[in-house]
């Protein structure tokens, strides 16, 4: 695994392979399956197609770890355009942002100011900003920032967060966040973390995911359960039945281009589904870093390339 990780990180920095991948038919096929194009208009077209199927969307402009405040503000400008376009087109969609893309590594105050402006924009167009969770070194700062933003008058219900089930700390974090009334997207987590921070075994991650799902579904707040794992989906359905929870009081969330068959079946069963739709010119390094974080994703992606 360490060898594969190093290989994918090296590939993510290979300019020649990036040019080839982005220009080749194979690269375009891969990006079109999992990334909704390079430009804002591309992702809006994808969102409209998803909307027509009765599925909601979260739009994500790819990129992270900017190196200047100007880059951070440019990244934010794309999200401001998305919020306006979502409103103008009447789409059932919102946006997801990464704090490192908003300048977190350059200063917490910079990132908080930029995200605060996005949340204020979301309030004016009755939309929502989800703050993504990155590696564990950002967890506490991300939670603290979202809590401060959510506590500002008028922002309630317009900013949310992501919690990763593989972290040992997540149950306490969920208790804190739900006490504030903050909407959460629960995912398993894809970053490489030490056993002192995260459960190393899939069985333990799955068990914690189910435990945290029950906490969320019984909180009375509208949350997102983000998984393609059919066992986790079945466990969520069991909780819904056992607790008498309405299928419209939460949503399942999945990635663009992954298990579209499952997305449609959940809609037919009466559940809400939201698809996470990434786009942008940085798809190649983003994609390779995701494989570096967890090389087992190679097999997952290969299987899903064959599914409709």
Protein backbone atom coordinates (compact mmCIF):
# COMPACT_ATOMS: atom_id res chain seq x y z
CA UNK A 1 0.00 0.00 0.00
CA UNK A 2 2.74 2.59 0.79
CA UNK A 3 4.29 1.87 -2.64
CA UNK A 4 0.98 2.42 -4.41
CA UNK A 5 0.36 5.59 -2.41
CA UNK A 6 3.73 7.02 -3.39
CA UNK A 7 3.14 6.06 -7.03
CA UNK A 8 -0.22 7.84 -7.21
CA UNK A 9 1.17 10.95 -5.53
CA UNK A 10 3.99 11.00 -8.08
CA UNK A 11 1.49 10.56 -10.92
CA UNK A 12 -0.61 13.46 -9.60
CA UNK A 13 2.40 15.74 -10.18
CA UNK A 14 3.29 14.44 -13.65
CA UNK A 15 2.52 17.29 -16.05
CA UNK A 16 2.95 15.19 -19.19
CA UNK A 17 0.57 12.49 -18.01
CA UNK A 18 -1.90 15.15 -16.91
CA UNK A 19 -1.90 16.72 -20.39
CA UNK A 20 -2.31 13.31 -22.01
CA UNK A 21 -5.11 12.27 -19.64
CA UNK A 22 -7.08 15.49 -20.09
CA UNK A 23 -6.74 15.38 -23.88
CA UNK A 24 -7.08 11.64 -24.58
CA UNK A 25 -10.37 9.86 -25.28
CA UNK A 26 -9.80 7.63 -22.24
CA UNK A 27 -9.19 10.63 -20.01
CA UNK A 28 -12.27 12.39 -21.30
CA UNK A 29 -14.34 9.24 -20.81
CA UNK A 30 -13.16 8.93 -17.22
CA UNK A 31 -13.69 12.59 -16.44
CA UNK A 32 -17.13 12.63 -18.05
CA UNK A 33 -18.19 9.69 -15.90
CA UNK A 34 -17.01 11.10 -12.58
CA UNK A 35 -16.42 14.82 -13.23
CA UNK A 36 -19.10 17.03 -14.81
CA UNK A 37 -16.87 18.91 -17.21
CA UNK A 38 -14.38 21.73 -16.82
CA UNK A 39 -16.56 24.87 -16.70
CA UNK A 40 -19.46 26.30 -14.69
CA UNK A 41 -21.84 25.82 -17.63
CA UNK A 42 -20.89 22.12 -17.75
CA UNK A 43 -21.79 21.47 -14.14
CA UNK A 44 -25.01 23.44 -14.44
CA UNK A 45 -26.06 21.28 -17.40
CA UNK A 46 -25.31 18.19 -15.31
CA UNK A 47 -27.31 19.61 -12.41
CA UNK A 48 -30.27 20.27 -14.70
CA UNK A 49 -30.16 16.69 -15.98
CA UNK A 50 -30.04 15.37 -12.41
CA UNK A 51 -32.84 17.72 -11.38
CA UNK A 52 -35.04 16.34 -14.18
CA UNK A 53 -34.66 12.87 -12.63
CA UNK A 54 -35.95 14.10 -9.26
CA UNK A 55 -32.47 14.03 -7.73
CA UNK A 56 -30.84 16.96 -5.90
CA UNK A 57 -27.22 18.03 -6.42
CA UNK A 58 -24.28 19.44 -4.52
CA UNK A 59 -21.85 21.28 -6.81
CA UNK A 60 -18.13 21.22 -6.06
CA UNK A 61 -15.49 23.23 -7.92
CA UNK A 62 -12.38 21.08 -7.74
CA UNK A 63 -9.27 22.46 -6.12
CA UNK A 64 -7.65 22.78 -2.70
CA UNK A 65 -4.60 24.13 -0.88
CA UNK A 66 -4.39 27.47 -2.69
CA UNK A 67 -1.15 29.41 -2.29
CA UNK A 68 -2.34 33.05 -2.36
CA UNK A 69 -5.34 35.04 -1.08
CA UNK A 70 -6.10 35.96 -4.70
CA UNK A 71 -6.44 32.29 -5.62
CA UNK A 72 -8.74 31.75 -2.65
CA UNK A 73 -10.99 34.63 -3.66
CA UNK A 74 -11.02 33.45 -7.27
CA UNK A 75 -12.16 30.04 -6.05
CA UNK A 76 -14.90 31.69 -4.01
CA UNK A 77 -16.02 33.74 -7.02
CA UNK A 78 -16.87 30.50 -8.83
CA UNK A 79 -19.14 29.52 -5.94
CA UNK A 80 -20.83 32.92 -5.96
CA UNK A 81 -21.57 32.35 -9.67
CA UNK A 82 -22.96 28.90 -8.87
CA UNK A 83 -25.24 30.20 -6.13
CA UNK A 84 -26.70 32.81 -8.47
CA UNK A 85 -27.13 30.32 -11.31
CA UNK A 86 -28.79 27.73 -9.06
CA UNK A 87 -31.27 30.37 -7.94
CA UNK A 88 -31.92 31.71 -11.44
CA UNK A 89 -32.50 28.23 -12.89
CA UNK A 90 -34.63 27.01 -10.00
CA UNK A 91 -32.43 23.97 -9.38
CA UNK A 92 -32.64 21.70 -6.35
CA UNK A 93 -28.94 22.15 -5.68
CA UNK A 94 -26.43 23.66 -3.28
CA UNK A 95 -22.63 23.92 -3.04
CA UNK A 96 -19.78 22.23 -1.20
CA UNK A 97 -16.52 24.02 -0.40
CA UNK A 98 -13.16 22.96 0.98
CA UNK A 99 -11.56 25.28 3.50
CA UNK A 100 -8.07 24.80 2.06
CA UNK A 101 -9.46 26.05 -1.27
CA UNK A 102 -10.80 29.10 0.59
CA UNK A 103 -7.35 29.93 2.01
CA UNK A 104 -7.33 27.99 5.30
CA UNK A 105 -3.59 27.29 5.06
CA UNK A 106 -2.95 31.01 4.58
CA UNK A 107 -4.88 32.01 7.68
CA UNK A 108 -8.07 30.95 9.43
CA UNK A 109 -9.41 34.50 9.40
CA UNK A 110 -9.09 34.70 5.61
CA UNK A 111 -10.94 31.43 5.08
CA UNK A 112 -13.66 32.34 7.57
CA UNK A 113 -14.26 35.72 5.94
CA UNK A 114 -14.52 34.13 2.48
CA UNK A 115 -16.86 31.34 3.62
CA UNK A 116 -18.92 33.79 5.65
CA UNK A 117 -19.52 35.83 2.49
CA UNK A 118 -20.62 32.65 0.68
CA UNK A 119 -23.03 31.75 3.47
CA UNK A 120 -24.47 35.27 3.46
CA UNK A 121 -24.98 34.91 -0.31
CA UNK A 122 -26.68 31.55 0.25
CA UNK A 123 -29.04 33.20 2.73
CA UNK A 124 -30.09 35.83 0.17
CA UNK A 125 -30.94 33.16 -2.46
CA UNK A 126 -32.33 30.65 0.07
CA UNK A 127 -29.58 28.12 -0.58
CA UNK A 128 -27.03 26.19 1.46
CA UNK A 129 -23.24 25.88 1.78
CA UNK A 130 -21.74 22.58 2.88
CA UNK A 131 -18.21 22.84 4.31
CA UNK A 132 -16.33 19.67 3.38
CA UNK A 133 -14.09 17.85 5.84
CA UNK A 134 -10.48 17.25 4.89
CA UNK A 135 -7.68 15.48 6.79
CA UNK A 136 -7.83 15.14 10.58
CA UNK A 137 -5.42 18.05 11.06
CA UNK A 138 -8.31 20.30 9.94
CA UNK A 139 -11.15 18.63 11.85
CA UNK A 140 -11.35 20.80 14.96
CA UNK A 141 -10.78 24.07 13.12
CA UNK A 142 -13.45 23.15 10.57
CA UNK A 143 -16.00 22.31 13.26
CA UNK A 144 -15.22 25.48 15.20
CA UNK A 145 -15.61 27.65 12.10
CA UNK A 146 -18.90 26.09 11.02
CA UNK A 147 -20.32 26.49 14.52
CA UNK A 148 -19.36 30.18 14.55
CA UNK A 149 -20.86 30.78 11.10
CA UNK A 150 -24.06 28.90 11.94
CA UNK A 151 -24.48 30.91 15.15
CA UNK A 152 -24.53 34.22 13.29
CA UNK A 153 -28.05 35.69 13.04
CA UNK A 154 -29.84 34.56 9.89
CA UNK A 155 -27.36 31.82 8.99
CA UNK A 156 -29.16 28.96 10.73
CA UNK A 157 -29.99 26.21 8.25
CA UNK A 158 -27.81 27.71 5.52
CA UNK A 159 -24.42 26.20 6.44
CA UNK A 160 -23.53 22.60 7.25
CA UNK A 161 -20.59 20.28 7.64
CA UNK A 162 -19.25 16.79 6.89
CA UNK A 163 -18.39 14.21 9.55
CA UNK A 164 -16.27 11.13 8.81
CA UNK A 165 -17.33 7.85 10.41
CA UNK A 166 -13.83 6.41 10.57
CA UNK A 167 -12.65 8.99 13.10
CA UNK A 168 -12.83 7.94 16.75
CA UNK A 169 -14.05 11.39 17.76
CA UNK A 170 -17.08 11.58 15.45
CA UNK A 171 -19.81 10.54 17.91
CA UNK A 172 -18.93 13.40 20.24
CA UNK A 173 -18.64 15.81 17.32
CA UNK A 174 -22.12 14.83 16.11
CA UNK A 175 -23.54 15.34 19.59
CA UNK A 176 -22.04 18.85 19.68
CA UNK A 177 -23.12 19.81 16.17
CA UNK A 178 -26.68 18.50 16.42
CA UNK A 179 -27.11 20.34 19.71
CA UNK A 180 -26.46 23.49 17.63
CA UNK A 181 -28.97 22.38 14.98
CA UNK A 182 -26.30 21.99 12.28
CA UNK A 183 -26.95 19.81 9.24
CA UNK A 184 -24.39 17.04 8.71
CA UNK A 185 -23.30 14.89 5.79
CA UNK A 186 -22.04 11.58 7.17
CA UNK A 187 -19.45 9.71 5.08
CA UNK A 188 -16.97 6.97 5.90
CA UNK A 189 -13.86 9.05 5.17
CA UNK A 190 -11.15 8.59 2.54
CA UNK A 191 -7.99 10.17 3.96
CA UNK A 192 -5.11 8.09 5.26
CA UNK A 193 -5.15 8.42 9.06
CA UNK A 194 -3.21 6.64 11.83
CA UNK A 195 -5.00 4.08 14.07
CA UNK A 196 -4.78 6.53 16.97
CA UNK A 197 -7.13 8.84 15.05
CA UNK A 198 -9.26 6.54 12.89
CA UNK A 199 -10.56 2.97 12.92
CA UNK A 200 -8.19 0.94 10.71
CA UNK A 201 -10.62 -1.92 10.01
CA UNK A 202 -13.60 -1.64 7.66
CA UNK A 203 -15.80 -3.64 10.05
CA UNK A 204 -15.26 -1.07 12.81
CA UNK A 205 -15.84 1.84 10.42
CA UNK A 206 -19.09 0.24 9.26
CA UNK A 207 -20.23 -0.32 12.82
CA UNK A 208 -19.55 3.29 13.70
CA UNK A 209 -21.27 4.49 10.53
CA UNK A 210 -24.47 2.69 11.56
CA UNK A 211 -24.24 4.07 15.10
CA UNK A 212 -23.74 7.61 13.85
CA UNK A 213 -26.53 7.24 11.27
CA UNK A 214 -28.96 6.43 14.07
CA UNK A 215 -27.79 9.50 15.99
CA UNK A 216 -28.43 11.67 12.96
CA UNK A 217 -31.77 10.21 11.91
CA UNK A 218 -33.21 10.59 15.41
CA UNK A 219 -31.94 14.18 15.88
CA UNK A 220 -34.87 15.87 14.16
CA UNK A 221 -32.51 17.69 11.76
CA UNK A 222 -32.29 17.14 8.00
CA UNK A 223 -29.01 15.28 7.39
CA UNK A 224 -27.30 13.48 4.51
CA UNK A 225 -26.21 9.83 4.68
CA UNK A 226 -23.42 9.59 2.10
CA UNK A 227 -22.67 6.02 1.02
CA UNK A 228 -22.71 3.65 -1.94
CA UNK A 229 -22.35 0.65 0.39
CA UNK A 230 -25.53 -1.40 0.06
CA UNK A 231 -25.07 -2.81 3.57
CA UNK A 232 -25.01 0.69 5.02
CA UNK A 233 -28.05 1.64 2.95
CA UNK A 234 -29.89 -1.45 4.20
CA UNK A 235 -28.93 -0.60 7.79
CA UNK A 236 -30.24 2.96 7.30
CA UNK A 237 -33.53 1.60 6.00
CA UNK A 238 -33.82 -0.67 9.07
CA UNK A 239 -33.35 2.32 11.38
CA UNK A 240 -36.00 4.22 9.43
CA UNK A 241 -38.48 1.36 9.81
CA UNK A 242 -37.71 0.66 13.46
CA UNK A 243 -37.88 4.31 14.52
CA UNK A 244 -40.81 5.29 12.31
CA UNK A 245 -38.74 7.93 10.54
CA UNK A 246 -40.18 9.56 7.42
CA UNK A 247 -38.21 8.89 4.22
CA UNK A 248 -38.23 12.60 3.36
CA UNK A 249 -36.70 13.74 6.66
CA UNK A 250 -33.15 12.99 5.45
CA UNK A 251 -31.37 12.20 2.19
CA UNK A 252 -29.01 9.63 0.79
CA UNK A 253 -25.98 11.16 -0.91
CA UNK A 254 -23.82 9.62 -3.64
CA UNK A 255 -21.09 10.64 -6.07
CA UNK A 256 -21.73 11.74 -9.62
CA UNK A 257 -21.42 8.79 -11.99
CA UNK A 258 -21.37 6.14 -9.26
CA UNK A 259 -24.24 3.65 -8.80
CA UNK A 260 -26.76 5.58 -10.85
CA UNK A 261 -28.93 2.46 -10.75
CA UNK A 262 -29.02 2.62 -6.96
CA UNK A 263 -29.78 6.35 -6.99
CA UNK A 264 -32.85 5.74 -9.17
CA UNK A 265 -34.09 2.82 -7.08
CA UNK A 266 -33.91 4.89 -3.89
CA UNK A 267 -35.93 7.66 -5.54
CA UNK A 268 -38.52 5.08 -6.61
CA UNK A 269 -38.73 3.86 -3.01
CA UNK A 270 -39.61 7.38 -1.88
CA UNK A 271 -36.26 8.49 -0.42
CA UNK A 272 -34.53 11.78 -1.16
CA UNK A 273 -31.22 11.48 -3.02
CA UNK A 274 -28.53 14.11 -3.58
CA UNK A 275 -25.59 13.64 -5.95
CA UNK A 276 -22.20 15.26 -5.28
CA UNK A 277 -21.11 16.74 -8.63
CA UNK A 278 -17.46 17.83 -8.98
CA UNK A 279 -16.17 19.84 -11.94
CA UNK A 280 -13.17 21.87 -13.00
CA UNK A 281 -9.83 21.77 -14.71
CA UNK A 282 -8.12 20.26 -11.66
CA UNK A 283 -9.86 16.90 -12.06
CA UNK A 284 -6.71 14.93 -12.86
CA UNK A 285 -4.60 15.76 -9.78
CA UNK A 286 -7.74 15.56 -7.63
CA UNK A 287 -8.55 12.11 -9.00
CA UNK A 288 -5.02 10.78 -8.52
CA UNK A 289 -4.82 12.09 -4.96
CA UNK A 290 -8.06 10.31 -4.12
CA UNK A 291 -6.44 7.08 -5.32
CA UNK A 292 -3.31 7.89 -3.31
CA UNK A 293 -5.35 8.36 -0.15
CA UNK A 294 -6.86 4.90 -0.49
CA UNK A 295 -5.47 2.77 -3.36
CA UNK A 296 -8.31 0.24 -2.91
CA UNK A 297 -10.44 2.90 -4.64
CA UNK A 298 -8.87 1.75 -7.93
CA UNK A 299 -10.93 -1.44 -7.86
CA UNK A 300 -14.03 0.46 -6.74
CA UNK A 301 -13.77 2.88 -9.64
CA UNK A 302 -13.00 0.10 -12.12
CA UNK A 303 -16.14 -1.77 -11.04
CA UNK A 304 -18.30 1.33 -11.30
CA UNK A 305 -17.00 2.17 -14.78
CA UNK A 306 -18.85 -0.98 -15.89
CA UNK A 307 -22.13 -0.11 -14.13
CA UNK A 308 -24.91 1.99 -15.58
